C-alpha atoms as a PDB file:
ATOM      1  CA  MET A   1       0.000   0.000   0.000  1.00  0.00           C
ATOM      2  CA  ASP A   2       1.503   3.353  -1.004  1.00  0.00           C
ATOM      3  CA  ILE A   3       1.995   6.357   1.283  1.00  0.00           C
ATOM      4  CA  LYS A   4      -0.730   8.395  -0.403  1.00  0.00           C
ATOM      5  CA  LYS A   5      -3.339   5.661   0.097  1.00  0.00           C
ATOM      6  CA  ASN A   6      -2.275   5.265   3.715  1.00  0.00           C
ATOM      7  CA  LEU A   7      -2.620   9.004   4.224  1.00  0.00           C
ATOM      8  CA  LEU A   8      -6.084   9.113   2.631  1.00  0.00           C
ATOM      9  CA  GLU A   9      -7.275   6.272   4.837  1.00  0.00           C
ATOM     10  CA  LYS A  10      -5.912   8.088   7.870  1.00  0.00           C
ATOM     11  CA  ILE A  11      -7.647  11.307   6.814  1.00  0.00           C
ATOM     12  CA  GLU A  12     -10.978   9.495   6.545  1.00  0.00           C
ATOM     13  CA  HIS A  13     -10.512   7.898   9.974  1.00  0.00           C
ATOM     14  CA  ASP A  14      -9.424  11.157  11.615  1.00  0.00           C
ATOM     15  CA  LEU A  15     -12.224  13.200  10.047  1.00  0.00           C
ATOM     16  CA  THR A  16     -14.821  10.664  11.141  1.00  0.00           C
ATOM     17  CA  ASP A  17     -13.544  10.929  14.705  1.00  0.00           C
ATOM     18  CA  TYR A  18     -13.326  14.742  14.534  1.00  0.00           C
ATOM     19  CA  TYR A  19     -16.851  15.343  13.236  1.00  0.00           C
ATOM     20  CA  CYS A  20     -18.445  12.759  15.520  1.00  0.00           C
ATOM     21  CA  LYS A  21     -17.206  14.871  18.429  1.00  0.00           C
ATOM     22  CA  LYS A  22     -18.981  17.911  16.964  1.00  0.00           C
ATOM     23  CA  ARG A  23     -22.394  16.340  16.343  1.00  0.00           C
ATOM     24  CA  ASP A  24     -23.982  17.921  19.421  1.00  0.00           C
ATOM     25  CA  LEU A  25     -22.995  21.504  18.545  1.00  0.00           C
ATOM     26  CA  SER A  26     -25.990  23.728  17.823  1.00  0.00           C
ATOM     27  CA  ASP A  27     -24.547  25.667  14.876  1.00  0.00           C
ATOM     28  CA  ALA A  28     -24.591  23.823  11.520  1.00  0.00           C
ATOM     29  CA  ALA A  29     -21.283  25.396  10.470  1.00  0.00           C
ATOM     30  CA  GLN A  30     -19.688  24.168  13.713  1.00  0.00           C
ATOM     31  CA  HIS A  31     -20.722  20.621  12.798  1.00  0.00           C
ATOM     32  CA  VAL A  32     -18.211  20.748   9.944  1.00  0.00           C
ATOM     33  CA  GLY A  33     -15.402  22.446  11.841  1.00  0.00           C
ATOM     34  CA  TRP A  34     -16.002  26.191  11.414  1.00  0.00           C
ATOM     35  CA  LYS A  35     -16.320  28.360  14.500  1.00  0.00           C
ATOM     36  CA  SER A  36     -19.490  29.991  13.165  1.00  0.00           C
ATOM     37  CA  GLN A  37     -21.658  30.374  10.077  1.00  0.00           C
ATOM     38  CA  TRP A  38     -20.032  33.783   9.496  1.00  0.00           C
ATOM     39  CA  ALA A  39     -16.553  32.215   9.508  1.00  0.00           C
ATOM     40  CA  GLN A  40     -17.682  29.619   6.980  1.00  0.00           C
ATOM     41  CA  GLU A  41     -19.435  32.079   4.683  1.00  0.00           C
ATOM     42  CA  ILE A  42     -16.653  34.684   4.600  1.00  0.00           C
ATOM     43  CA  ARG A  43     -14.454  31.953   3.169  1.00  0.00           C
ATOM     44  CA  PHE A  44     -17.119  31.072   0.608  1.00  0.00           C
ATOM     45  CA  SER A  45     -17.144  34.727  -0.461  1.00  0.00           C
ATOM     46  CA  GLN A  46     -13.384  34.650  -1.068  1.00  0.00           C
ATOM     47  CA  LEU A  47     -13.453  31.371  -2.996  1.00  0.00           C
ATOM     48  CA  LEU A  48     -16.279  32.528  -5.258  1.00  0.00           C
ATOM     49  CA  LYS A  49     -14.165  35.444  -6.486  1.00  0.00           C
ATOM     50  CA  VAL A  50     -12.642  32.987  -8.954  1.00  0.00           C
ATOM     51  CA  ILE A  51     -15.981  32.711 -10.796  1.00  0.00           C
ATOM     52  CA  ASP A  52     -17.008  35.022 -13.620  1.00  0.00           C
ATOM     53  CA  PHE A  53     -20.691  35.435 -12.800  1.00  0.00           C
ATOM     54  CA  THR A  54     -21.286  37.584 -15.886  1.00  0.00           C
ATOM     55  CA  ASN A  55     -20.644  34.661 -18.211  1.00  0.00           C
ATOM     56  CA  GLY A  56     -23.924  32.814 -17.651  1.00  0.00           C
ATOM     57  CA  HIS A  57     -24.423  29.272 -16.388  1.00  0.00           C
ATOM     58  CA  PHE A  58     -21.423  27.481 -14.893  1.00  0.00           C
ATOM     59  CA  SER A  59     -20.644  24.109 -13.311  1.00  0.00           C
ATOM     60  CA  ILE A  60     -18.774  23.739 -10.041  1.00  0.00           C
ATOM     61  CA  ASN A  61     -17.046  20.965  -8.104  1.00  0.00           C
ATOM     62  CA  ASP A  62     -17.064  21.411  -4.328  1.00  0.00           C
ATOM     63  CA  LEU A  63     -14.299  19.202  -2.934  1.00  0.00           C
ATOM     64  CA  GLY A  64     -14.932  18.460   0.729  1.00  0.00           C
ATOM     65  CA  CYS A  65     -18.530  19.616   0.496  1.00  0.00           C
ATOM     66  CA  GLY A  66     -19.675  18.521   3.942  1.00  0.00           C
ATOM     67  CA  LYS A  67     -23.439  19.012   4.072  1.00  0.00           C
ATOM     68  CA  GLY A  68     -23.498  21.156   0.926  1.00  0.00           C
ATOM     69  CA  ALA A  69     -23.482  24.596   2.547  1.00  0.00           C
ATOM     70  CA  LEU A  70     -21.708  26.127  -0.459  1.00  0.00           C
ATOM     71  CA  ALA A  71     -24.545  25.051  -2.762  1.00  0.00           C
ATOM     72  CA  THR A  72     -27.068  26.716  -0.460  1.00  0.00           C
ATOM     73  CA  PHE A  73     -24.895  29.836  -0.293  1.00  0.00           C
ATOM     74  CA  LEU A  74     -24.729  29.988  -4.101  1.00  0.00           C
ATOM     75  CA  GLN A  75     -28.465  29.448  -4.438  1.00  0.00           C
ATOM     76  CA  ALA A  76     -29.121  32.507  -2.263  1.00  0.00           C
ATOM     77  CA  LEU A  77     -27.228  34.806  -4.652  1.00  0.00           C
ATOM     78  CA  ASP A  78     -29.205  36.840  -7.175  1.00  0.00           C
ATOM     79  CA  ASN A  79     -29.393  35.737 -10.810  1.00  0.00           C
ATOM     80  CA  VAL A  80     -26.934  32.867 -10.522  1.00  0.00           C
ATOM     81  CA  SER A  81     -27.337  29.732 -12.662  1.00  0.00           C
ATOM     82  CA  PHE A  82     -25.125  26.765 -11.872  1.00  0.00           C
ATOM     83  CA  THR A  83     -24.754  23.001 -11.701  1.00  0.00           C
ATOM     84  CA  TYR A  84     -23.196  21.807  -8.457  1.00  0.00           C
ATOM     85  CA  ASN A  85     -21.280  18.600  -7.728  1.00  0.00           C
ATOM     86  CA  GLY A  86     -20.370  18.057  -4.090  1.00  0.00           C
ATOM     87  CA  TYR A  87     -17.769  15.491  -3.014  1.00  0.00           C
ATOM     88  CA  ASP A  88     -16.798  14.304   0.441  1.00  0.00           C
ATOM     89  CA  ILE A  89     -14.634  11.528   1.822  1.00  0.00           C
ATOM     90  CA  LEU A  90     -17.181  10.767   4.548  1.00  0.00           C
ATOM     91  CA  ASP A  91     -20.305   8.715   3.864  1.00  0.00           C
ATOM     92  CA  SER A  92     -22.061  10.444   6.759  1.00  0.00           C
ATOM     93  CA  MET A  93     -21.594  13.894   5.219  1.00  0.00           C
ATOM     94  CA  ILE A  94     -22.886  12.784   1.813  1.00  0.00           C
ATOM     95  CA  SER A  95     -25.913  11.120   3.403  1.00  0.00           C
ATOM     96  CA  GLU A  96     -26.775  14.268   5.358  1.00  0.00           C
ATOM     97  CA  ALA A  97     -26.168  16.508   2.343  1.00  0.00           C
ATOM     98  CA  LYS A  98     -28.549  14.445   0.206  1.00  0.00           C
ATOM     99  CA  LYS A  99     -31.130  14.465   2.984  1.00  0.00           C
ATOM    100  CA  GLU A 100     -30.938  18.197   3.718  1.00  0.00           C
ATOM    101  CA  SER A 101     -30.458  19.599   0.216  1.00  0.00           C
ATOM    102  CA  LYS A 102     -33.550  20.931  -1.534  1.00  0.00           C
ATOM    103  CA  LEU A 103     -31.685  21.974  -4.679  1.00  0.00           C
ATOM    104  CA  SER A 104     -32.538  20.288  -7.964  1.00  0.00           C
ATOM    105  CA  ASN A 105     -29.193  21.369  -9.445  1.00  0.00           C
ATOM    106  CA  ALA A 106     -27.046  19.724  -6.746  1.00  0.00           C
ATOM    107  CA  ASN A 107     -25.419  16.283  -6.877  1.00  0.00           C
ATOM    108  CA  PHE A 108     -23.459  14.662  -4.044  1.00  0.00           C
ATOM    109  CA  PHE A 109     -20.855  11.917  -4.290  1.00  0.00           C
ATOM    110  CA  LYS A 110     -18.764   9.894  -1.852  1.00  0.00           C
ATOM    111  CA  LEU A 111     -15.177  10.320  -3.046  1.00  0.00           C
ATOM    112  CA  THR A 112     -11.819   8.941  -1.931  1.00  0.00           C
ATOM    113  CA  ASN A 113      -9.904   9.517  -5.157  1.00  0.00           C
ATOM    114  CA  THR A 114      -9.959  13.102  -6.430  1.00  0.00           C
ATOM    115  CA  SER A 115      -9.244  11.936  -9.971  1.00  0.00           C
ATOM    116  CA  ASP A 116     -12.772  10.493 -10.025  1.00  0.00           C
ATOM    117  CA  MET A 117     -14.332  13.980  -9.938  1.00  0.00           C
ATOM    118  CA  LEU A 118     -16.388  15.085 -12.908  1.00  0.00           C
ATOM    119  CA  GLN A 119     -15.015  17.744 -15.216  1.00  0.00           C
ATOM    120  CA  ALA A 120     -16.403  21.197 -14.350  1.00  0.00           C
ATOM    121  CA  ASP A 121     -15.827  24.879 -15.052  1.00  0.00           C
ATOM    122  CA  TYR A 122     -14.535  25.481 -11.526  1.00  0.00           C
ATOM    123  CA  THR A 123     -13.339  23.396  -8.580  1.00  0.00           C
ATOM    124  CA  LEU A 124     -13.376  24.859  -5.070  1.00  0.00           C
ATOM    125  CA  ALA A 125     -12.084  23.454  -1.778  1.00  0.00           C
ATOM    126  CA  SER A 126     -12.779  25.093   1.570  1.00  0.00           C
ATOM    127  CA  GLY A 127     -11.089  23.852   4.712  1.00  0.00           C
ATOM    128  CA  ILE A 128      -9.936  20.449   3.486  1.00  0.00           C
ATOM    129  CA  PHE A 129      -6.246  21.290   3.911  1.00  0.00           C
ATOM    130  CA  ASN A 130      -6.533  22.423   7.540  1.00  0.00           C
ATOM    131  CA  LEU A 131      -6.859  19.343   9.730  1.00  0.00           C
ATOM    132  CA  LYS A 132      -3.764  17.161   9.504  1.00  0.00           C
ATOM    133  CA  TYR A 133      -4.052  15.604  12.971  1.00  0.00           C
ATOM    134  CA  ASN A 134      -0.813  13.603  13.411  1.00  0.00           C
ATOM    135  CA  ALA A 135       0.320  13.585   9.780  1.00  0.00           C
ATOM    136  CA  GLN A 136       3.843  14.804   9.104  1.00  0.00           C
ATOM    137  CA  GLY A 137       4.090  18.320   7.663  1.00  0.00           C
ATOM    138  CA  ASP A 138       5.963  17.233   4.515  1.00  0.00           C
ATOM    139  CA  ASP A 139       3.451  14.469   3.816  1.00  0.00           C
ATOM    140  CA  TRP A 140       0.569  16.899   4.284  1.00  0.00           C
ATOM    141  CA  LEU A 141       2.115  19.451   1.943  1.00  0.00           C
ATOM    142  CA  ASP A 142       2.519  16.720  -0.689  1.00  0.00           C
ATOM    143  CA  TYR A 143      -1.155  15.863  -0.202  1.00  0.00           C
ATOM    144  CA  ILE A 144      -2.137  19.515  -0.730  1.00  0.00           C
ATOM    145  CA  LYS A 145      -0.045  19.829  -3.872  1.00  0.00           C
ATOM    146  CA  SER A 146      -1.276  16.570  -5.406  1.00  0.00           C
ATOM    147  CA  THR A 147      -4.893  17.571  -4.688  1.00  0.00           C
ATOM    148  CA  VAL A 148      -4.440  21.026  -6.243  1.00  0.00           C
ATOM    149  CA  ASP A 149      -2.912  19.354  -9.298  1.00  0.00           C
ATOM    150  CA  VAL A 150      -6.029  17.203  -9.786  1.00  0.00           C
ATOM    151  CA  MET A 151      -8.343  20.158  -9.118  1.00  0.00           C
ATOM    152  CA  TRP A 152      -6.570  22.043 -11.903  1.00  0.00           C
ATOM    153  CA  LYS A 153      -6.875  19.153 -14.352  1.00  0.00           C
ATOM    154  CA  LYS A 154     -10.593  18.718 -13.579  1.00  0.00           C
ATOM    155  CA  SER A 155     -11.420  22.406 -14.128  1.00  0.00           C
ATOM    156  CA  ASP A 156     -11.922  24.222 -17.423  1.00  0.00           C
ATOM    157  CA  LYS A 157     -11.873  27.794 -16.108  1.00  0.00           C
ATOM    158  CA  GLY A 158     -10.277  27.945 -12.676  1.00  0.00           C
ATOM    159  CA  ILE A 159      -9.886  26.724  -9.115  1.00  0.00           C
ATOM    160  CA  ALA A 160      -9.872  28.186  -5.623  1.00  0.00           C
ATOM    161  CA  PHE A 161      -8.832  26.811  -2.246  1.00  0.00           C
ATOM    162  CA  ASN A 162      -7.857  28.044   1.196  1.00  0.00           C
ATOM    163  CA  CYS A 163      -5.215  27.145   3.770  1.00  0.00           C
ATOM    164  CA  LEU A 164      -4.456  28.241   7.290  1.00  0.00           C
ATOM    165  CA  THR A 165      -1.586  30.721   7.241  1.00  0.00           C
ATOM    166  CA  ASN A 166       1.723  30.381   9.020  1.00  0.00           C
ATOM    167  CA  ARG A 167       1.593  34.163   9.469  1.00  0.00           C
ATOM    168  CA  SER A 168      -0.943  33.672  12.260  1.00  0.00           C
ATOM    169  CA  ASP A 169      -0.002  34.255  15.893  1.00  0.00           C
ATOM    170  CA  THR A 170       1.634  31.195  17.434  1.00  0.00           C
ATOM    171  CA  THR A 171      -0.673  31.531  20.449  1.00  0.00           C
ATOM    172  CA  HIS A 172      -3.650  30.801  18.173  1.00  0.00           C
ATOM    173  CA  ARG A 173      -2.188  27.665  16.604  1.00  0.00           C
ATOM    174  CA  SER A 174      -3.049  24.021  17.218  1.00  0.00           C
ATOM    175  CA  SER A 175      -0.707  21.075  16.675  1.00  0.00           C
ATOM    176  CA  GLU A 176      -3.405  19.123  14.818  1.00  0.00           C
ATOM    177  CA  LEU A 177      -3.777  21.829  12.160  1.00  0.00           C
ATOM    178  CA  TYR A 178      -1.536  22.597   9.175  1.00  0.00           C
ATOM    179  CA  TYR A 179      -0.323  26.168   8.603  1.00  0.00           C
ATOM    180  CA  ALA A 180       0.888  26.757   5.057  1.00  0.00           C
ATOM    181  CA  ASP A 181       3.453  29.288   3.891  1.00  0.00           C
ATOM    182  CA  PRO A 182       1.631  31.702   1.523  1.00  0.00           C
ATOM    183  CA  GLY A 183       4.825  32.445  -0.402  1.00  0.00           C
ATOM    184  CA  GLU A 184       5.608  28.774  -0.928  1.00  0.00           C
ATOM    185  CA  MET A 185       2.041  28.133  -2.060  1.00  0.00           C
ATOM    186  CA  ILE A 186       2.156  30.940  -4.621  1.00  0.00           C
ATOM    187  CA  GLN A 187       5.472  29.633  -5.943  1.00  0.00           C
ATOM    188  CA  PHE A 188       3.862  26.224  -6.397  1.00  0.00           C
ATOM    189  CA  CYS A 189       0.704  27.600  -8.056  1.00  0.00           C
ATOM    190  CA  SER A 190       2.699  29.782 -10.447  1.00  0.00           C
ATOM    191  CA  LYS A 191       3.883  26.576 -12.114  1.00  0.00           C
ATOM    192  CA  PHE A 192       0.338  26.099 -13.429  1.00  0.00           C
ATOM    193  CA  THR A 193      -0.562  29.624 -14.540  1.00  0.00           C
ATOM    194  CA  ARG A 194       0.446  33.270 -14.492  1.00  0.00           C
ATOM    195  CA  HIS A 195      -3.156  34.190 -13.692  1.00  0.00           C
ATOM    196  CA  PHE A 196      -3.512  33.783  -9.944  1.00  0.00           C
ATOM    197  CA  ALA A 197      -4.214  35.784  -6.800  1.00  0.00           C
ATOM    198  CA  LEU A 198      -3.634  35.256  -3.084  1.00  0.00           C
ATOM    199  CA  LEU A 199      -6.110  36.848  -0.666  1.00  0.00           C
ATOM    200  CA  HIS A 200      -4.757  37.382   2.823  1.00  0.00           C
ATOM    201  CA  ASN A 201      -6.850  40.350   3.929  1.00  0.00           C
ATOM    202  CA  TYR A 202     -10.199  39.107   5.227  1.00  0.00           C
ATOM    203  CA  GLN A 203      -9.449  39.104   8.948  1.00  0.00           C
ATOM    204  CA  GLU A 204      -9.180  35.361   9.386  1.00  0.00           C
ATOM    205  CA  TYR A 205      -6.237  33.103  10.133  1.00  0.00           C
ATOM    206  CA  ASP A 206      -6.029  31.748   6.634  1.00  0.00           C
ATOM    207  CA  PHE A 207      -5.577  32.759   2.998  1.00  0.00           C
ATOM    208  CA  THR A 208      -7.330  31.943  -0.263  1.00  0.00           C
ATOM    209  CA  VAL A 209      -5.675  31.156  -3.581  1.00  0.00           C
ATOM    210  CA  LEU A 210      -7.488  31.831  -6.863  1.00  0.00           C
ATOM    211  CA  MET A 211      -6.176  30.393 -10.143  1.00  0.00           C
ATOM    212  CA  TRP A 212      -7.540  30.962 -13.636  1.00  0.00           C
ATOM    213  CA  LYS A 213      -7.048  29.294 -16.996  1.00  0.00           C
ATOM    214  CA  LYS A 214      -6.723  31.982 -19.680  1.00  0.00           C
END
């Protein structure tokens, strides 16, 4: 069994344990690891800056979709037409997303191999690179880079993802979380395209990377 498969199996195990501990929290966003609905939605707002909403209907992959909150957030926007594909490594999240979603344009899939995603205009990932638990930093960075590579291949127009920043105060850090170097991440992303942006100004302890195909 290769290292990547071992890591993916560990991620699934760790996430199952992590979210089971949060089942009794009252806030839906807290169920999936965010401190509040506001904290979740401000990140959605940054990720969606990769999308050209003036260009009509678009398709979107949501990698690590949880209960499909991004689809609901998109649906609430004015004059937006989209097809949504949500993917999560946890069966429990997909089951709850299918049960709770009332959107006819939303599809949800259990996914352990990112290369099995459907082709779409855009692929977004919010929060999936944060919780490393006991994984080694180098292994986790390789996981991030390999996932971004697949996201790029599966997208016709662009991708967006976020990471916790290593520019955050050390007093606010947790050993089970991964804090990426924004400069290193931009250097990596510049290998794919010259059309990218890094957003580090929305008063949270993370940053968002936007990448476009031109």
